[in-house]
N, C-alpha and C. Protein backbone atom coordinates (compact mmCIF):
# COMPACT_ATOMS: atom_id res chain seq x y z
N UNK A 1 140.11 257.71 -92.24
CA UNK A 1 140.83 256.49 -92.39
C UNK A 1 142.12 256.55 -91.55
N UNK A 2 142.78 257.69 -91.46
CA UNK A 2 143.99 257.73 -90.69
C UNK A 2 143.77 257.48 -89.21
N UNK A 3 142.60 257.84 -88.74
CA UNK A 3 142.32 257.55 -87.33
C UNK A 3 142.27 256.07 -87.00
N UNK A 4 141.61 255.30 -87.91
CA UNK A 4 141.59 253.84 -87.65
C UNK A 4 142.91 253.19 -87.88
N UNK A 5 143.66 253.69 -88.86
CA UNK A 5 145.07 253.13 -89.06
C UNK A 5 145.92 253.45 -87.86
N UNK A 6 145.76 254.64 -87.31
CA UNK A 6 146.59 254.97 -86.06
C UNK A 6 146.14 254.12 -84.90
N UNK A 7 144.81 253.86 -84.77
CA UNK A 7 144.39 253.01 -83.75
C UNK A 7 144.87 251.61 -83.86
N UNK A 8 144.92 251.08 -85.05
CA UNK A 8 145.38 249.74 -85.31
C UNK A 8 146.86 249.66 -84.99
N UNK A 9 147.64 250.66 -85.33
CA UNK A 9 149.07 250.70 -85.11
C UNK A 9 149.27 250.74 -83.58
N UNK A 10 148.52 251.57 -82.89
CA UNK A 10 148.64 251.65 -81.44
C UNK A 10 148.27 250.35 -80.77
N UNK A 11 147.24 249.66 -81.29
CA UNK A 11 146.89 248.37 -80.72
C UNK A 11 147.96 247.36 -80.90
N UNK A 12 148.55 247.31 -82.09
CA UNK A 12 149.67 246.36 -82.43
C UNK A 12 150.88 246.65 -81.45
N UNK A 13 151.09 247.88 -81.24
CA UNK A 13 152.22 248.27 -80.39
C UNK A 13 151.97 247.75 -78.95
N UNK A 14 150.78 247.94 -78.46
CA UNK A 14 150.40 247.50 -77.15
C UNK A 14 150.55 245.99 -76.97
N UNK A 15 150.13 245.29 -77.97
CA UNK A 15 150.29 243.80 -77.96
C UNK A 15 151.75 243.43 -77.90
N UNK A 16 152.62 244.09 -78.68
CA UNK A 16 154.03 243.79 -78.63
C UNK A 16 154.67 244.14 -77.37
N UNK A 17 154.24 245.28 -76.72
CA UNK A 17 154.78 245.71 -75.47
C UNK A 17 154.41 244.66 -74.36
N UNK A 18 153.17 244.17 -74.36
CA UNK A 18 152.74 243.11 -73.38
C UNK A 18 153.60 241.88 -73.63
N UNK A 19 153.87 241.51 -74.91
CA UNK A 19 154.64 240.31 -75.18
C UNK A 19 156.07 240.45 -74.71
N UNK A 20 156.63 241.65 -74.92
CA UNK A 20 158.07 241.89 -74.42
C UNK A 20 158.09 241.84 -72.92
N UNK A 21 157.07 242.37 -72.29
CA UNK A 21 157.02 242.28 -70.80
C UNK A 21 156.94 240.88 -70.32
N UNK A 22 156.16 240.04 -71.04
CA UNK A 22 156.03 238.60 -70.67
C UNK A 22 157.36 237.94 -70.80
N UNK A 23 158.06 238.15 -71.94
CA UNK A 23 159.39 237.49 -72.15
C UNK A 23 160.41 238.03 -71.11
N UNK A 24 160.38 239.28 -70.78
CA UNK A 24 161.29 239.80 -69.76
C UNK A 24 160.98 239.14 -68.38
N UNK A 25 159.70 239.08 -68.08
CA UNK A 25 159.32 238.42 -66.78
C UNK A 25 159.73 236.95 -66.72
N UNK A 26 159.64 236.22 -67.79
CA UNK A 26 160.02 234.85 -67.82
C UNK A 26 161.57 234.78 -67.63
N UNK A 27 162.30 235.62 -68.38
CA UNK A 27 163.74 235.58 -68.23
C UNK A 27 164.22 235.96 -66.80
N UNK A 28 163.56 236.92 -66.18
CA UNK A 28 163.92 237.30 -64.81
C UNK A 28 163.58 236.17 -63.86
N UNK A 29 162.46 235.54 -64.07
CA UNK A 29 162.05 234.46 -63.19
C UNK A 29 162.96 233.32 -63.31
N UNK A 30 163.31 232.97 -64.52
CA UNK A 30 164.26 231.80 -64.73
C UNK A 30 165.64 232.10 -64.16
N UNK A 31 166.10 233.33 -64.36
CA UNK A 31 167.43 233.70 -63.78
C UNK A 31 167.36 233.62 -62.21
N UNK A 32 166.27 234.16 -61.65
CA UNK A 32 166.17 234.08 -60.20
C UNK A 32 166.10 232.66 -59.62
N UNK A 33 165.47 231.78 -60.36
CA UNK A 33 165.34 230.36 -59.95
C UNK A 33 166.62 229.51 -60.18
N UNK A 34 167.34 229.82 -61.33
CA UNK A 34 168.37 228.83 -61.66
C UNK A 34 169.77 229.47 -61.61
N UNK A 35 169.91 230.64 -61.17
CA UNK A 35 171.27 231.28 -61.15
C UNK A 35 172.12 230.43 -60.12
N UNK A 36 173.44 230.29 -60.37
CA UNK A 36 174.27 229.51 -59.45
C UNK A 36 174.32 230.05 -58.06
N UNK A 37 174.25 231.35 -57.91
CA UNK A 37 174.14 232.07 -56.57
C UNK A 37 172.78 232.67 -56.44
N UNK A 38 172.43 232.90 -55.15
CA UNK A 38 171.11 233.55 -54.91
C UNK A 38 171.11 234.93 -55.54
N UNK A 39 170.07 235.23 -56.32
CA UNK A 39 169.92 236.45 -57.03
C UNK A 39 169.39 237.56 -56.05
N UNK A 40 169.89 238.74 -56.24
CA UNK A 40 169.40 239.87 -55.48
C UNK A 40 170.25 240.15 -54.27
N UNK A 41 170.10 241.35 -53.66
CA UNK A 41 170.88 241.71 -52.51
C UNK A 41 170.34 241.09 -51.25
N UNK A 42 171.20 240.95 -50.28
CA UNK A 42 170.82 240.56 -48.94
C UNK A 42 170.37 241.80 -48.19
N UNK A 43 169.11 241.87 -47.82
CA UNK A 43 168.57 243.08 -47.22
C UNK A 43 168.38 242.92 -45.69
N UNK A 44 168.61 241.76 -45.16
CA UNK A 44 168.62 241.66 -43.69
C UNK A 44 167.23 241.45 -43.16
N UNK A 45 166.19 241.27 -43.96
CA UNK A 45 164.83 241.05 -43.48
C UNK A 45 164.58 239.55 -43.68
N UNK A 46 164.27 238.84 -42.63
CA UNK A 46 164.00 237.41 -42.79
C UNK A 46 162.84 237.14 -43.68
N UNK A 47 163.05 236.17 -44.56
CA UNK A 47 161.96 235.64 -45.37
C UNK A 47 161.45 236.64 -46.43
N UNK A 48 162.22 237.72 -46.69
CA UNK A 48 161.75 238.67 -47.72
C UNK A 48 161.82 238.14 -49.12
N UNK A 49 162.66 237.11 -49.26
CA UNK A 49 162.74 236.48 -50.61
C UNK A 49 161.44 235.82 -51.04
N UNK A 50 160.59 235.49 -50.09
CA UNK A 50 159.25 234.90 -50.34
C UNK A 50 158.40 235.97 -51.22
N UNK A 51 158.60 237.17 -50.96
CA UNK A 51 157.84 238.23 -51.68
C UNK A 51 158.37 238.26 -53.22
N UNK A 52 159.64 238.09 -53.35
CA UNK A 52 160.25 238.05 -54.64
C UNK A 52 159.72 236.78 -55.47
N UNK A 53 159.62 235.67 -54.73
CA UNK A 53 159.08 234.43 -55.37
C UNK A 53 157.60 234.71 -55.77
N UNK A 54 156.84 235.27 -54.90
CA UNK A 54 155.39 235.58 -55.16
C UNK A 54 155.29 236.47 -56.38
N UNK A 55 156.10 237.56 -56.39
CA UNK A 55 156.03 238.56 -57.44
C UNK A 55 156.50 237.97 -58.85
N UNK A 56 157.62 237.21 -58.79
CA UNK A 56 158.14 236.73 -60.08
C UNK A 56 157.20 235.70 -60.73
N UNK A 57 156.72 234.73 -59.94
CA UNK A 57 155.83 233.77 -60.48
C UNK A 57 154.41 234.37 -60.84
N UNK A 58 153.95 235.31 -59.98
CA UNK A 58 152.68 235.97 -60.25
C UNK A 58 152.73 236.81 -61.51
N UNK A 59 153.83 237.53 -61.73
CA UNK A 59 153.95 238.33 -62.93
C UNK A 59 153.95 237.49 -64.20
N UNK A 60 154.64 236.37 -64.19
CA UNK A 60 154.72 235.51 -65.34
C UNK A 60 153.30 234.94 -65.56
N UNK A 61 152.62 234.50 -64.54
CA UNK A 61 151.27 234.03 -64.71
C UNK A 61 150.33 235.11 -65.30
N UNK A 62 150.33 236.26 -64.70
CA UNK A 62 149.45 237.31 -65.21
C UNK A 62 149.80 237.71 -66.62
N UNK A 63 151.05 237.99 -66.90
CA UNK A 63 151.44 238.43 -68.24
C UNK A 63 151.18 237.34 -69.29
N UNK A 64 151.47 236.12 -68.89
CA UNK A 64 151.20 234.99 -69.84
C UNK A 64 149.73 234.87 -70.24
N UNK A 65 148.86 235.09 -69.29
CA UNK A 65 147.41 235.07 -69.56
C UNK A 65 147.06 236.34 -70.38
N UNK A 66 147.66 237.41 -70.09
CA UNK A 66 147.36 238.70 -70.83
C UNK A 66 147.74 238.55 -72.31
N UNK A 67 148.83 237.85 -72.61
CA UNK A 67 149.22 237.72 -74.04
C UNK A 67 148.69 236.42 -74.61
N UNK A 68 147.71 235.86 -73.90
CA UNK A 68 146.96 234.68 -74.47
C UNK A 68 147.66 233.38 -74.58
N UNK A 69 148.66 233.15 -73.66
CA UNK A 69 149.26 231.84 -73.62
C UNK A 69 148.18 230.91 -73.01
N UNK A 70 147.96 229.72 -73.56
CA UNK A 70 146.88 228.87 -73.09
C UNK A 70 147.08 228.57 -71.56
N UNK A 71 146.05 228.82 -70.82
CA UNK A 71 146.18 228.77 -69.35
C UNK A 71 146.64 227.37 -68.86
N UNK A 72 146.14 226.32 -69.45
CA UNK A 72 146.49 225.00 -69.01
C UNK A 72 148.04 224.82 -69.10
N UNK A 73 148.66 225.23 -70.22
CA UNK A 73 150.10 225.12 -70.42
C UNK A 73 150.84 225.98 -69.55
N UNK A 74 150.43 227.24 -69.47
CA UNK A 74 151.09 228.31 -68.66
C UNK A 74 151.12 227.94 -67.22
N UNK A 75 150.01 227.68 -66.64
CA UNK A 75 149.91 227.43 -65.23
C UNK A 75 150.51 226.08 -64.82
N UNK A 76 150.31 225.06 -65.67
CA UNK A 76 150.92 223.79 -65.44
C UNK A 76 152.38 223.90 -65.46
N UNK A 77 153.00 224.62 -66.39
CA UNK A 77 154.41 224.80 -66.48
C UNK A 77 154.94 225.55 -65.27
N UNK A 78 154.30 226.61 -64.81
CA UNK A 78 154.65 227.35 -63.69
C UNK A 78 154.64 226.55 -62.42
N UNK A 79 153.58 225.73 -62.22
CA UNK A 79 153.54 224.84 -61.03
C UNK A 79 154.68 223.84 -61.08
N UNK A 80 154.97 223.25 -62.22
CA UNK A 80 156.13 222.32 -62.35
C UNK A 80 157.43 223.00 -62.08
N UNK A 81 157.53 224.23 -62.66
CA UNK A 81 158.81 224.97 -62.47
C UNK A 81 159.00 225.37 -61.01
N UNK A 82 157.94 225.63 -60.31
CA UNK A 82 158.04 225.98 -58.86
C UNK A 82 158.64 224.83 -58.07
N UNK A 83 158.23 223.60 -58.40
CA UNK A 83 158.75 222.44 -57.66
C UNK A 83 160.17 222.07 -58.19
N UNK A 84 160.38 221.99 -59.48
CA UNK A 84 161.57 221.54 -60.07
C UNK A 84 162.72 222.56 -59.68
N UNK A 85 162.44 223.87 -59.75
CA UNK A 85 163.48 224.81 -59.43
C UNK A 85 164.09 224.65 -58.03
N UNK A 86 163.29 224.35 -57.07
CA UNK A 86 163.73 224.13 -55.75
C UNK A 86 164.54 222.81 -55.62
N UNK A 87 164.14 221.79 -56.37
CA UNK A 87 164.80 220.55 -56.32
C UNK A 87 166.20 220.67 -56.99
N UNK A 88 166.25 221.45 -58.07
CA UNK A 88 167.52 221.77 -58.80
C UNK A 88 168.42 222.55 -57.83
N UNK A 89 167.86 223.53 -57.12
CA UNK A 89 168.68 224.31 -56.21
C UNK A 89 169.24 223.39 -55.10
N UNK A 90 168.43 222.52 -54.61
CA UNK A 90 168.87 221.62 -53.50
C UNK A 90 169.88 220.60 -53.95
N UNK A 91 169.68 219.96 -55.12
CA UNK A 91 170.56 218.85 -55.51
C UNK A 91 171.74 219.29 -56.41
N UNK A 92 171.53 220.31 -57.22
CA UNK A 92 172.53 220.60 -58.31
C UNK A 92 173.29 221.90 -58.18
N UNK A 93 172.79 222.82 -57.39
CA UNK A 93 173.48 224.11 -57.25
C UNK A 93 174.05 224.20 -55.85
N UNK A 94 175.36 223.94 -55.69
CA UNK A 94 175.95 223.89 -54.34
C UNK A 94 175.85 225.15 -53.51
N UNK A 95 175.74 226.31 -54.17
CA UNK A 95 175.66 227.58 -53.39
C UNK A 95 174.26 228.03 -53.14
N UNK A 96 173.27 227.17 -53.51
CA UNK A 96 171.87 227.42 -53.26
C UNK A 96 171.33 226.33 -52.38
N UNK A 97 170.12 226.58 -51.77
CA UNK A 97 169.44 225.60 -51.03
C UNK A 97 167.99 225.61 -51.37
N UNK A 98 167.41 224.37 -51.59
CA UNK A 98 166.01 224.26 -51.93
C UNK A 98 165.18 224.53 -50.70
N UNK A 99 164.11 225.28 -50.79
CA UNK A 99 163.34 225.63 -49.63
C UNK A 99 161.82 225.36 -49.93
N UNK A 100 161.27 224.40 -49.27
CA UNK A 100 159.79 224.08 -49.47
C UNK A 100 158.87 225.33 -49.33
N UNK A 101 159.25 226.29 -48.55
CA UNK A 101 158.46 227.49 -48.36
C UNK A 101 158.53 228.36 -49.57
N UNK A 102 159.68 228.27 -50.33
CA UNK A 102 159.83 228.97 -51.59
C UNK A 102 158.80 228.47 -52.63
N UNK A 103 158.63 227.10 -52.57
CA UNK A 103 157.60 226.47 -53.40
C UNK A 103 156.22 227.04 -53.14
N UNK A 104 155.92 227.12 -51.80
CA UNK A 104 154.56 227.73 -51.40
C UNK A 104 154.42 229.07 -51.92
N UNK A 105 155.50 229.98 -51.75
CA UNK A 105 155.42 231.32 -52.25
C UNK A 105 155.22 231.37 -53.79
N UNK A 106 155.93 230.52 -54.52
CA UNK A 106 155.83 230.40 -55.94
C UNK A 106 154.37 230.07 -56.34
N UNK A 107 153.84 229.06 -55.67
CA UNK A 107 152.42 228.65 -55.97
C UNK A 107 151.42 229.67 -55.64
N UNK A 108 151.66 230.43 -54.54
CA UNK A 108 150.73 231.60 -54.18
C UNK A 108 150.87 232.63 -55.31
N UNK A 109 152.09 232.88 -55.81
CA UNK A 109 152.21 233.83 -56.87
C UNK A 109 151.50 233.42 -58.13
N UNK A 110 151.62 232.09 -58.46
CA UNK A 110 150.87 231.55 -59.69
C UNK A 110 149.37 231.80 -59.49
N UNK A 111 148.88 231.44 -58.29
CA UNK A 111 147.44 231.61 -57.99
C UNK A 111 146.98 233.04 -58.09
N UNK A 112 147.79 233.98 -57.51
CA UNK A 112 147.37 235.34 -57.56
C UNK A 112 147.51 235.93 -58.98
N UNK A 113 148.58 235.59 -59.69
CA UNK A 113 148.70 236.12 -61.09
C UNK A 113 147.56 235.52 -61.94
N UNK A 114 147.25 234.27 -61.75
CA UNK A 114 146.12 233.66 -62.53
C UNK A 114 144.80 234.33 -62.23
N UNK A 115 144.54 234.55 -60.94
CA UNK A 115 143.28 235.20 -60.54
C UNK A 115 143.19 236.57 -61.22
N UNK A 116 144.32 237.37 -61.13
CA UNK A 116 144.24 238.72 -61.71
C UNK A 116 144.13 238.62 -63.22
N UNK A 117 144.87 237.70 -63.84
CA UNK A 117 144.75 237.47 -65.25
C UNK A 117 143.43 237.13 -65.75
N UNK A 118 142.78 236.18 -65.06
CA UNK A 118 141.40 235.79 -65.48
C UNK A 118 140.44 236.98 -65.27
N UNK A 119 140.62 237.77 -64.18
CA UNK A 119 139.79 238.93 -64.03
C UNK A 119 139.94 239.89 -65.18
N UNK A 120 141.13 240.20 -65.58
CA UNK A 120 141.41 241.08 -66.66
C UNK A 120 140.82 240.51 -68.00
N UNK A 121 141.02 239.23 -68.21
CA UNK A 121 140.50 238.59 -69.48
C UNK A 121 138.98 238.65 -69.54
N UNK A 122 138.34 238.52 -68.49
CA UNK A 122 136.89 238.52 -68.49
C UNK A 122 136.32 239.92 -68.50
N UNK A 123 137.25 240.92 -68.34
CA UNK A 123 136.77 242.29 -68.34
C UNK A 123 136.15 242.72 -67.03
N UNK A 124 136.29 241.90 -65.98
CA UNK A 124 135.75 242.28 -64.71
C UNK A 124 136.68 243.33 -64.02
N UNK A 125 136.13 244.48 -63.71
CA UNK A 125 137.04 245.47 -63.12
C UNK A 125 137.44 245.07 -61.74
N UNK A 126 138.62 245.43 -61.32
CA UNK A 126 139.05 245.20 -60.02
C UNK A 126 138.42 246.24 -59.08
N UNK A 127 138.33 245.94 -57.85
CA UNK A 127 137.69 246.84 -56.88
C UNK A 127 138.51 248.14 -56.86
N UNK A 128 137.78 249.22 -56.78
CA UNK A 128 138.46 250.52 -56.63
C UNK A 128 138.85 251.14 -57.96
N UNK A 129 138.63 250.42 -59.05
CA UNK A 129 138.99 250.98 -60.39
C UNK A 129 137.77 251.50 -61.13
N UNK A 130 136.59 251.34 -60.58
CA UNK A 130 135.40 251.86 -61.29
C UNK A 130 134.84 253.07 -60.65
């Protein structure tokens, strides 16, 4: 009996760790999108911020699906946020500028995160992991 109780405790812990990761990813993504100044250091590589957009939106999409947020709500909200965040940056944050290419990077991140999330949910192994 102690083995199954330990397994149940371990399983609950994993669920909570995934949830914490999701909340942290959402907080980081929202901070990056709505901070009054551009988040992160200037690294001198042109357009490198697009990778940050891809990663932030992709991680929220993946982790949201992993913790069973309904896909329709999660992905719809992320797509809306991709567009709205750039409009807010353009119109309301004087030290930021809205960039349509950031929206494309955000949407690519949502698509990639959703694809990976659906693969994991279906139990389909990713290439190279079997």
